[in-house]
């Protein structure tokens, strides 16, 4: 949750997306689930503008 705050993303949206997609991902796709990478791919989930 601290990383979600750092990247200013909605933790509920992040967790829902990650937990839904996780069982279907390949190992090579796991790095895309970090809050930093996820925030880049989902700018609509930002709760505050970036600093």
Foldseek 3Di string as FASTA:
>chain_A
DVLCVLLQFDPVVLVVVCVVCVVPDDPVCVVCSDNVNVCVVCVVRHPDDHD
